[in-house]
Amino acid sequence: MPVKPHEDENELANRIIASMTDLAGALGRLNDLVAQRLGVAQTDLLCLHVLNRAGASTAGALSSQLGRTTGAVTHMIDRLEKAGYVRREPDPQDRRRVLVEASAPGLERIASFYEGMDARSRRLMATFSDDQLAAIHAFLLGSCESAAEECDRLIR
């Protein structure tokens, strides 16, 4: 995101880019507060979000998704397991591997911190038409893909 708007570009586009930066900051602050309340690190919370969305995963796959070393992820899993947020299960496809899975009670506890935002977001979305929601969804998907591509670029 540019530090200053581009004068030669669409003003609405500049405002959207600025709003994306503001949203990223607000969500970062929210996630930090939730992590503090849960007694976990922000990366631990991100790991739990990944497990919630993608399901059980290996430590290696989590390492790639989170951009952390396998050693750091193993320590994180140890902390989360001790706190009751995840459990390790043998991989039914390959008994040499272990899958990490988020616990239902842990996910429910996390979800409780987002209930207010979820409700407000749904009320806000109710003010948009289906076509507008489809455009917003497409924009969010594209923005998420762009952010992932930028992470990949910075890792190289």
N, C-alpha and C. Protein backbone atom coordinates (compact mmCIF):
# COMPACT_ATOMS: atom_id res chain seq x y z
N MET A 1 0.84 -1.17 0.00
CA MET A 1 0.00 0.00 0.00
C MET A 1 0.89 1.24 0.00
N PRO A 2 0.63 2.15 -0.90
CA PRO A 2 1.47 3.35 -0.95
C PRO A 2 1.29 4.19 0.31
N VAL A 3 2.37 4.89 0.66
CA VAL A 3 2.31 5.76 1.82
C VAL A 3 1.38 6.93 1.55
N LYS A 4 1.47 7.47 0.35
CA LYS A 4 0.60 8.58 -0.04
C LYS A 4 -0.18 8.17 -1.29
N PRO A 5 -1.40 8.71 -1.44
CA PRO A 5 -2.19 8.37 -2.63
C PRO A 5 -1.49 8.84 -3.90
N HIS A 6 -1.76 8.12 -4.97
CA HIS A 6 -1.26 8.51 -6.28
C HIS A 6 -2.18 9.59 -6.83
N GLU A 7 -1.61 10.76 -7.12
CA GLU A 7 -2.43 11.88 -7.58
C GLU A 7 -3.04 11.63 -8.94
N ASP A 8 -2.40 10.81 -9.77
CA ASP A 8 -2.88 10.59 -11.13
C ASP A 8 -3.89 9.44 -11.22
N GLU A 9 -4.28 8.88 -10.09
CA GLU A 9 -5.19 7.74 -10.11
C GLU A 9 -6.56 8.14 -9.60
N ASN A 10 -7.49 7.24 -9.76
CA ASN A 10 -8.87 7.41 -9.34
C ASN A 10 -8.94 7.68 -7.84
N GLU A 11 -9.66 8.72 -7.46
CA GLU A 11 -9.78 9.11 -6.06
C GLU A 11 -10.44 8.02 -5.23
N LEU A 12 -11.46 7.38 -5.78
CA LEU A 12 -12.13 6.31 -5.05
C LEU A 12 -11.17 5.13 -4.83
N ALA A 13 -10.36 4.82 -5.82
CA ALA A 13 -9.37 3.76 -5.67
C ALA A 13 -8.38 4.11 -4.55
N ASN A 14 -7.96 5.37 -4.51
CA ASN A 14 -7.06 5.82 -3.43
C ASN A 14 -7.71 5.65 -2.06
N ARG A 15 -9.00 5.98 -1.96
CA ARG A 15 -9.70 5.85 -0.69
C ARG A 15 -9.86 4.39 -0.30
N ILE A 16 -10.10 3.52 -1.29
CA ILE A 16 -10.22 2.08 -1.00
C ILE A 16 -8.89 1.53 -0.50
N ILE A 17 -7.79 1.89 -1.15
CA ILE A 17 -6.46 1.44 -0.72
C ILE A 17 -6.19 1.92 0.71
N ALA A 18 -6.51 3.18 1.00
CA ALA A 18 -6.31 3.71 2.36
C ALA A 18 -7.19 2.96 3.36
N SER A 19 -8.41 2.64 2.98
CA SER A 19 -9.32 1.91 3.86
C SER A 19 -8.82 0.49 4.11
N MET A 20 -8.20 -0.13 3.10
CA MET A 20 -7.63 -1.46 3.28
C MET A 20 -6.51 -1.43 4.31
N THR A 21 -5.69 -0.39 4.25
CA THR A 21 -4.62 -0.24 5.23
C THR A 21 -5.21 -0.06 6.63
N ASP A 22 -6.25 0.77 6.74
CA ASP A 22 -6.90 0.98 8.03
C ASP A 22 -7.52 -0.32 8.55
N LEU A 23 -8.16 -1.09 7.66
CA LEU A 23 -8.78 -2.35 8.05
C LEU A 23 -7.72 -3.35 8.52
N ALA A 24 -6.62 -3.44 7.79
CA ALA A 24 -5.54 -4.35 8.19
C ALA A 24 -5.03 -3.99 9.58
N GLY A 25 -4.88 -2.71 9.85
CA GLY A 25 -4.44 -2.27 11.17
C GLY A 25 -5.45 -2.60 12.25
N ALA A 26 -6.73 -2.35 11.97
CA ALA A 26 -7.78 -2.63 12.96
C ALA A 26 -7.89 -4.13 13.24
N LEU A 27 -7.81 -4.95 12.20
CA LEU A 27 -7.87 -6.40 12.39
C LEU A 27 -6.63 -6.91 13.13
N GLY A 28 -5.48 -6.32 12.83
CA GLY A 28 -4.27 -6.68 13.56
C GLY A 28 -4.41 -6.37 15.04
N ARG A 29 -4.96 -5.20 15.35
CA ARG A 29 -5.16 -4.82 16.75
C ARG A 29 -6.17 -5.75 17.41
N LEU A 30 -7.27 -6.06 16.72
CA LEU A 30 -8.28 -6.97 17.26
C LEU A 30 -7.66 -8.34 17.55
N ASN A 31 -6.92 -8.87 16.58
CA ASN A 31 -6.31 -10.19 16.77
C ASN A 31 -5.30 -10.17 17.91
N ASP A 32 -4.58 -9.07 18.06
CA ASP A 32 -3.63 -8.96 19.16
C ASP A 32 -4.37 -8.98 20.50
N LEU A 33 -5.47 -8.26 20.59
CA LEU A 33 -6.26 -8.25 21.83
C LEU A 33 -6.84 -9.62 22.13
N VAL A 34 -7.34 -10.30 21.09
CA VAL A 34 -7.90 -11.65 21.29
C VAL A 34 -6.80 -12.59 21.76
N ALA A 35 -5.65 -12.53 21.12
CA ALA A 35 -4.53 -13.39 21.51
C ALA A 35 -4.15 -13.13 22.97
N GLN A 36 -4.11 -11.86 23.38
CA GLN A 36 -3.79 -11.54 24.77
C GLN A 36 -4.82 -12.15 25.72
N ARG A 37 -6.10 -12.02 25.38
CA ARG A 37 -7.16 -12.56 26.24
C ARG A 37 -7.08 -14.08 26.34
N LEU A 38 -6.65 -14.72 25.25
CA LEU A 38 -6.53 -16.18 25.23
C LEU A 38 -5.24 -16.66 25.87
N GLY A 39 -4.30 -15.74 26.08
CA GLY A 39 -3.02 -16.11 26.65
C GLY A 39 -2.11 -16.82 25.66
N VAL A 40 -2.25 -16.47 24.37
CA VAL A 40 -1.40 -17.05 23.33
C VAL A 40 -0.74 -15.93 22.54
N ALA A 41 0.26 -16.30 21.76
CA ALA A 41 0.92 -15.32 20.89
C ALA A 41 0.04 -15.08 19.66
N GLN A 42 0.29 -13.96 18.99
CA GLN A 42 -0.50 -13.64 17.80
C GLN A 42 -0.31 -14.70 16.71
N THR A 43 0.91 -15.24 16.57
CA THR A 43 1.14 -16.30 15.58
C THR A 43 0.39 -17.56 15.96
N ASP A 44 0.25 -17.83 17.27
CA ASP A 44 -0.53 -18.99 17.72
C ASP A 44 -1.98 -18.83 17.28
N LEU A 45 -2.51 -17.62 17.43
CA LEU A 45 -3.88 -17.35 17.02
C LEU A 45 -4.03 -17.52 15.51
N LEU A 46 -3.05 -17.04 14.76
CA LEU A 46 -3.09 -17.22 13.31
C LEU A 46 -3.08 -18.71 12.96
N CYS A 47 -2.28 -19.49 13.65
CA CYS A 47 -2.24 -20.93 13.43
C CYS A 47 -3.63 -21.54 13.67
N LEU A 48 -4.29 -21.12 14.72
CA LEU A 48 -5.62 -21.63 15.02
C LEU A 48 -6.64 -21.22 13.96
N HIS A 49 -6.49 -20.02 13.42
CA HIS A 49 -7.36 -19.59 12.32
C HIS A 49 -7.13 -20.49 11.10
N VAL A 50 -5.86 -20.78 10.79
CA VAL A 50 -5.53 -21.64 9.65
C VAL A 50 -6.14 -23.03 9.86
N LEU A 51 -5.97 -23.59 11.05
CA LEU A 51 -6.52 -24.92 11.32
C LEU A 51 -8.05 -24.91 11.25
N ASN A 52 -8.66 -23.84 11.70
CA ASN A 52 -10.12 -23.73 11.64
C ASN A 52 -10.60 -23.72 10.20
N ARG A 53 -9.92 -22.98 9.34
CA ARG A 53 -10.35 -22.87 7.94
C ARG A 53 -9.98 -24.09 7.10
N ALA A 54 -8.77 -24.62 7.32
CA ALA A 54 -8.26 -25.68 6.44
C ALA A 54 -8.41 -27.08 7.03
N GLY A 55 -8.66 -27.18 8.31
CA GLY A 55 -8.74 -28.49 8.95
C GLY A 55 -7.38 -28.97 9.40
N ALA A 56 -7.32 -30.23 9.80
CA ALA A 56 -6.10 -30.81 10.33
C ALA A 56 -4.95 -30.66 9.33
N SER A 57 -3.75 -30.50 9.87
CA SER A 57 -2.58 -30.24 9.03
C SER A 57 -1.35 -30.82 9.69
N THR A 58 -0.32 -31.02 8.90
CA THR A 58 0.96 -31.43 9.45
C THR A 58 1.71 -30.19 9.92
N ALA A 59 2.70 -30.41 10.77
CA ALA A 59 3.54 -29.30 11.24
C ALA A 59 4.27 -28.67 10.07
N GLY A 60 4.72 -29.49 9.12
CA GLY A 60 5.42 -28.96 7.95
C GLY A 60 4.54 -28.05 7.12
N ALA A 61 3.28 -28.45 6.90
CA ALA A 61 2.36 -27.61 6.13
C ALA A 61 2.08 -26.31 6.87
N LEU A 62 1.92 -26.40 8.19
CA LEU A 62 1.70 -25.18 8.99
C LEU A 62 2.91 -24.26 8.90
N SER A 63 4.08 -24.85 8.93
CA SER A 63 5.32 -24.08 8.81
C SER A 63 5.31 -23.25 7.53
N SER A 64 4.92 -23.88 6.43
CA SER A 64 4.87 -23.17 5.14
C SER A 64 3.80 -22.09 5.14
N GLN A 65 2.62 -22.40 5.66
CA GLN A 65 1.53 -21.44 5.65
C GLN A 65 1.79 -20.24 6.56
N LEU A 66 2.48 -20.48 7.67
CA LEU A 66 2.72 -19.41 8.63
C LEU A 66 4.04 -18.69 8.42
N GLY A 67 4.90 -19.24 7.54
CA GLY A 67 6.19 -18.62 7.30
C GLY A 67 7.12 -18.72 8.50
N ARG A 68 7.03 -19.83 9.22
CA ARG A 68 7.87 -20.05 10.40
C ARG A 68 8.66 -21.34 10.20
N THR A 69 9.75 -21.49 10.92
CA THR A 69 10.54 -22.71 10.82
C THR A 69 9.75 -23.87 11.42
N THR A 70 10.10 -25.08 11.03
CA THR A 70 9.42 -26.25 11.59
C THR A 70 9.67 -26.34 13.09
N GLY A 71 10.87 -25.94 13.55
CA GLY A 71 11.15 -25.94 14.98
C GLY A 71 10.25 -24.99 15.74
N ALA A 72 10.06 -23.79 15.20
CA ALA A 72 9.19 -22.80 15.85
C ALA A 72 7.74 -23.30 15.87
N VAL A 73 7.33 -23.94 14.78
CA VAL A 73 5.95 -24.47 14.71
C VAL A 73 5.78 -25.62 15.71
N THR A 74 6.77 -26.45 15.84
CA THR A 74 6.68 -27.55 16.81
C THR A 74 6.52 -27.01 18.23
N HIS A 75 7.29 -25.97 18.57
CA HIS A 75 7.16 -25.35 19.90
C HIS A 75 5.78 -24.71 20.06
N MET A 76 5.28 -24.10 19.00
CA MET A 76 3.97 -23.48 19.05
C MET A 76 2.90 -24.54 19.27
N ILE A 77 3.00 -25.65 18.56
CA ILE A 77 2.03 -26.74 18.72
C ILE A 77 2.09 -27.29 20.14
N ASP A 78 3.29 -27.42 20.68
CA ASP A 78 3.43 -27.88 22.07
C ASP A 78 2.67 -26.95 23.02
N ARG A 79 2.85 -25.63 22.84
CA ARG A 79 2.17 -24.64 23.70
C ARG A 79 0.65 -24.75 23.54
N LEU A 80 0.20 -24.82 22.28
CA LEU A 80 -1.24 -24.87 22.03
C LEU A 80 -1.86 -26.17 22.52
N GLU A 81 -1.12 -27.26 22.42
CA GLU A 81 -1.62 -28.54 22.92
C GLU A 81 -1.74 -28.50 24.44
N LYS A 82 -0.73 -27.96 25.11
CA LYS A 82 -0.74 -27.86 26.57
C LYS A 82 -1.91 -26.99 27.04
N ALA A 83 -2.22 -25.94 26.28
CA ALA A 83 -3.32 -25.03 26.64
C ALA A 83 -4.69 -25.57 26.22
N GLY A 84 -4.72 -26.71 25.50
CA GLY A 84 -5.99 -27.33 25.12
C GLY A 84 -6.58 -26.83 23.82
N TYR A 85 -5.81 -26.10 23.02
CA TYR A 85 -6.34 -25.56 21.76
C TYR A 85 -6.17 -26.51 20.58
N VAL A 86 -5.19 -27.40 20.64
CA VAL A 86 -4.97 -28.36 19.56
C VAL A 86 -4.69 -29.74 20.14
N ARG A 87 -4.80 -30.73 19.28
CA ARG A 87 -4.41 -32.09 19.64
C ARG A 87 -3.68 -32.70 18.45
N ARG A 88 -2.80 -33.59 18.75
CA ARG A 88 -2.06 -34.33 17.72
C ARG A 88 -2.74 -35.67 17.53
N GLU A 89 -2.93 -36.05 16.28
CA GLU A 89 -3.55 -37.33 15.94
C GLU A 89 -2.71 -38.00 14.87
N PRO A 90 -2.61 -39.33 14.90
CA PRO A 90 -1.89 -40.02 13.82
C PRO A 90 -2.62 -39.80 12.49
N ASP A 91 -1.86 -39.61 11.42
CA ASP A 91 -2.43 -39.45 10.08
C ASP A 91 -2.95 -40.81 9.63
N PRO A 92 -4.26 -40.93 9.36
CA PRO A 92 -4.80 -42.23 8.95
C PRO A 92 -4.24 -42.71 7.60
N GLN A 93 -3.71 -41.79 6.79
CA GLN A 93 -3.15 -42.14 5.49
C GLN A 93 -1.69 -42.57 5.57
N ASP A 94 -0.99 -42.12 6.61
CA ASP A 94 0.44 -42.41 6.75
C ASP A 94 0.78 -42.41 8.24
N ARG A 95 0.90 -43.58 8.83
CA ARG A 95 1.07 -43.68 10.28
C ARG A 95 2.38 -43.08 10.78
N ARG A 96 3.30 -42.73 9.88
CA ARG A 96 4.55 -42.08 10.29
C ARG A 96 4.34 -40.60 10.56
N ARG A 97 3.26 -40.03 10.02
CA ARG A 97 3.00 -38.60 10.17
C ARG A 97 1.97 -38.35 11.27
N VAL A 98 2.03 -37.13 11.78
CA VAL A 98 1.08 -36.69 12.80
C VAL A 98 0.34 -35.47 12.25
N LEU A 99 -0.95 -35.45 12.47
CA LEU A 99 -1.76 -34.30 12.08
C LEU A 99 -2.08 -33.47 13.33
N VAL A 100 -2.11 -32.18 13.14
CA VAL A 100 -2.48 -31.25 14.21
C VAL A 100 -3.89 -30.77 13.90
N GLU A 101 -4.74 -30.84 14.90
CA GLU A 101 -6.14 -30.48 14.72
C GLU A 101 -6.57 -29.54 15.85
N ALA A 102 -7.29 -28.49 15.50
CA ALA A 102 -7.80 -27.57 16.51
C ALA A 102 -8.91 -28.26 17.29
N SER A 103 -8.97 -28.00 18.59
CA SER A 103 -10.02 -28.59 19.41
C SER A 103 -11.29 -27.75 19.29
N ALA A 104 -12.44 -28.42 19.31
CA ALA A 104 -13.72 -27.72 19.21
C ALA A 104 -13.90 -26.72 20.35
N PRO A 105 -13.62 -27.09 21.61
CA PRO A 105 -13.78 -26.10 22.68
C PRO A 105 -12.87 -24.88 22.50
N GLY A 106 -11.66 -25.11 22.02
CA GLY A 106 -10.74 -24.00 21.78
C GLY A 106 -11.27 -23.07 20.70
N LEU A 107 -11.77 -23.65 19.61
CA LEU A 107 -12.32 -22.83 18.51
C LEU A 107 -13.55 -22.06 18.97
N GLU A 108 -14.38 -22.69 19.81
CA GLU A 108 -15.57 -22.00 20.33
C GLU A 108 -15.17 -20.82 21.20
N ARG A 109 -14.12 -21.00 22.00
CA ARG A 109 -13.65 -19.90 22.85
C ARG A 109 -13.16 -18.74 21.99
N ILE A 110 -12.40 -19.06 20.95
CA ILE A 110 -11.90 -18.02 20.05
C ILE A 110 -13.07 -17.32 19.36
N ALA A 111 -14.02 -18.10 18.85
CA ALA A 111 -15.17 -17.53 18.13
C ALA A 111 -15.94 -16.54 19.00
N SER A 112 -15.98 -16.80 20.31
CA SER A 112 -16.74 -15.92 21.19
C SER A 112 -16.21 -14.49 21.17
N PHE A 113 -14.92 -14.32 20.89
CA PHE A 113 -14.34 -12.98 20.84
C PHE A 113 -14.68 -12.24 19.55
N TYR A 114 -15.15 -12.96 18.54
CA TYR A 114 -15.46 -12.36 17.25
C TYR A 114 -16.97 -12.25 17.01
N GLU A 115 -17.78 -12.66 17.97
CA GLU A 115 -19.23 -12.65 17.77
C GLU A 115 -19.78 -11.26 17.46
N GLY A 116 -19.31 -10.26 18.20
CA GLY A 116 -19.80 -8.90 17.97
C GLY A 116 -19.45 -8.39 16.59
N MET A 117 -18.21 -8.62 16.19
CA MET A 117 -17.79 -8.17 14.85
C MET A 117 -18.55 -8.93 13.77
N ASP A 118 -18.76 -10.23 13.99
CA ASP A 118 -19.51 -11.03 13.03
C ASP A 118 -20.92 -10.47 12.86
N ALA A 119 -21.59 -10.19 13.96
CA ALA A 119 -22.95 -9.66 13.91
C ALA A 119 -22.99 -8.30 13.21
N ARG A 120 -22.05 -7.42 13.55
CA ARG A 120 -22.02 -6.09 12.90
C ARG A 120 -21.72 -6.22 11.42
N SER A 121 -20.83 -7.12 11.06
CA SER A 121 -20.50 -7.33 9.64
C SER A 121 -21.71 -7.84 8.87
N ARG A 122 -22.46 -8.75 9.47
CA ARG A 122 -23.66 -9.27 8.80
C ARG A 122 -24.74 -8.20 8.65
N ARG A 123 -24.86 -7.34 9.66
CA ARG A 123 -25.82 -6.23 9.53
C ARG A 123 -25.40 -5.29 8.41
N LEU A 124 -24.10 -5.00 8.32
CA LEU A 124 -23.58 -4.14 7.26
C LEU A 124 -23.81 -4.78 5.89
N MET A 125 -23.52 -6.07 5.78
CA MET A 125 -23.70 -6.75 4.49
C MET A 125 -25.16 -6.77 4.05
N ALA A 126 -26.07 -6.75 5.01
CA ALA A 126 -27.50 -6.75 4.68
C ALA A 126 -27.91 -5.46 3.97
N THR A 127 -27.08 -4.42 4.02
CA THR A 127 -27.40 -3.16 3.35
C THR A 127 -26.96 -3.15 1.88
N PHE A 128 -26.28 -4.21 1.44
CA PHE A 128 -25.80 -4.28 0.07
C PHE A 128 -26.64 -5.27 -0.74
N SER A 129 -26.72 -5.02 -2.04
CA SER A 129 -27.43 -5.95 -2.93
C SER A 129 -26.56 -7.20 -3.15
N ASP A 130 -27.18 -8.24 -3.69
CA ASP A 130 -26.43 -9.46 -4.01
C ASP A 130 -25.31 -9.17 -5.00
N ASP A 131 -25.56 -8.33 -5.98
CA ASP A 131 -24.52 -7.98 -6.95
C ASP A 131 -23.36 -7.23 -6.28
N GLN A 132 -23.70 -6.32 -5.37
CA GLN A 132 -22.65 -5.60 -4.65
C GLN A 132 -21.84 -6.55 -3.77
N LEU A 133 -22.54 -7.47 -3.09
CA LEU A 133 -21.84 -8.44 -2.25
C LEU A 133 -20.93 -9.33 -3.08
N ALA A 134 -21.38 -9.71 -4.26
CA ALA A 134 -20.55 -10.54 -5.14
C ALA A 134 -19.29 -9.77 -5.55
N ALA A 135 -19.43 -8.47 -5.84
CA ALA A 135 -18.27 -7.66 -6.20
C ALA A 135 -17.32 -7.51 -5.01
N ILE A 136 -17.87 -7.28 -3.83
CA ILE A 136 -17.04 -7.16 -2.64
C ILE A 136 -16.30 -8.47 -2.39
N HIS A 137 -17.00 -9.58 -2.51
CA HIS A 137 -16.38 -10.89 -2.30
C HIS A 137 -15.26 -11.13 -3.31
N ALA A 138 -15.49 -10.81 -4.56
CA ALA A 138 -14.45 -10.98 -5.58
C ALA A 138 -13.24 -10.10 -5.26
N PHE A 139 -13.50 -8.88 -4.82
CA PHE A 139 -12.40 -7.99 -4.46
C PHE A 139 -11.60 -8.54 -3.28
N LEU A 140 -12.30 -9.03 -2.27
CA LEU A 140 -11.62 -9.59 -1.10
C LEU A 140 -10.80 -10.82 -1.47
N LEU A 141 -11.36 -11.70 -2.30
CA LEU A 141 -10.60 -12.88 -2.74
C LEU A 141 -9.35 -12.47 -3.51
N GLY A 142 -9.50 -11.51 -4.41
CA GLY A 142 -8.36 -11.03 -5.18
C GLY A 142 -7.32 -10.36 -4.29
N SER A 143 -7.76 -9.61 -3.31
CA SER A 143 -6.85 -8.93 -2.38
C SER A 143 -6.10 -9.95 -1.53
N CYS A 144 -6.79 -10.98 -1.10
CA CYS A 144 -6.15 -12.03 -0.31
C CYS A 144 -5.09 -12.75 -1.15
N GLU A 145 -5.43 -13.04 -2.39
CA GLU A 145 -4.47 -13.68 -3.30
C GLU A 145 -3.26 -12.77 -3.53
N SER A 146 -3.51 -11.50 -3.70
CA SER A 146 -2.43 -10.54 -3.89
C SER A 146 -1.51 -10.48 -2.67
N ALA A 147 -2.10 -10.50 -1.47
CA ALA A 147 -1.30 -10.48 -0.24
C ALA A 147 -0.45 -11.75 -0.14
N ALA A 148 -1.03 -12.89 -0.50
CA ALA A 148 -0.27 -14.15 -0.47
C ALA A 148 0.89 -14.10 -1.47
N GLU A 149 0.64 -13.54 -2.65
CA GLU A 149 1.70 -13.40 -3.65
C GLU A 149 2.81 -12.47 -3.14
N GLU A 150 2.43 -11.43 -2.44
CA GLU A 150 3.42 -10.51 -1.90
C GLU A 150 4.26 -11.18 -0.82
N CYS A 151 3.61 -12.01 0.01
CA CYS A 151 4.36 -12.78 1.01
C CYS A 151 5.37 -13.69 0.31
N ASP A 152 4.93 -14.37 -0.73
CA ASP A 152 5.83 -15.27 -1.48
C ASP A 152 7.00 -14.47 -2.06
N ARG A 153 6.72 -13.29 -2.59
CA ARG A 153 7.77 -12.45 -3.16
C ARG A 153 8.79 -12.03 -2.09
N LEU A 154 8.30 -11.67 -0.92
CA LEU A 154 9.20 -11.24 0.14
C LEU A 154 10.02 -12.39 0.72
N ILE A 155 9.49 -13.59 0.65
CA ILE A 155 10.22 -14.76 1.15
C ILE A 155 11.38 -15.10 0.23
N ARG A 156 11.21 -14.91 -1.07
CA ARG A 156 12.27 -15.26 -2.03
C ARG A 156 13.49 -14.45 -1.87
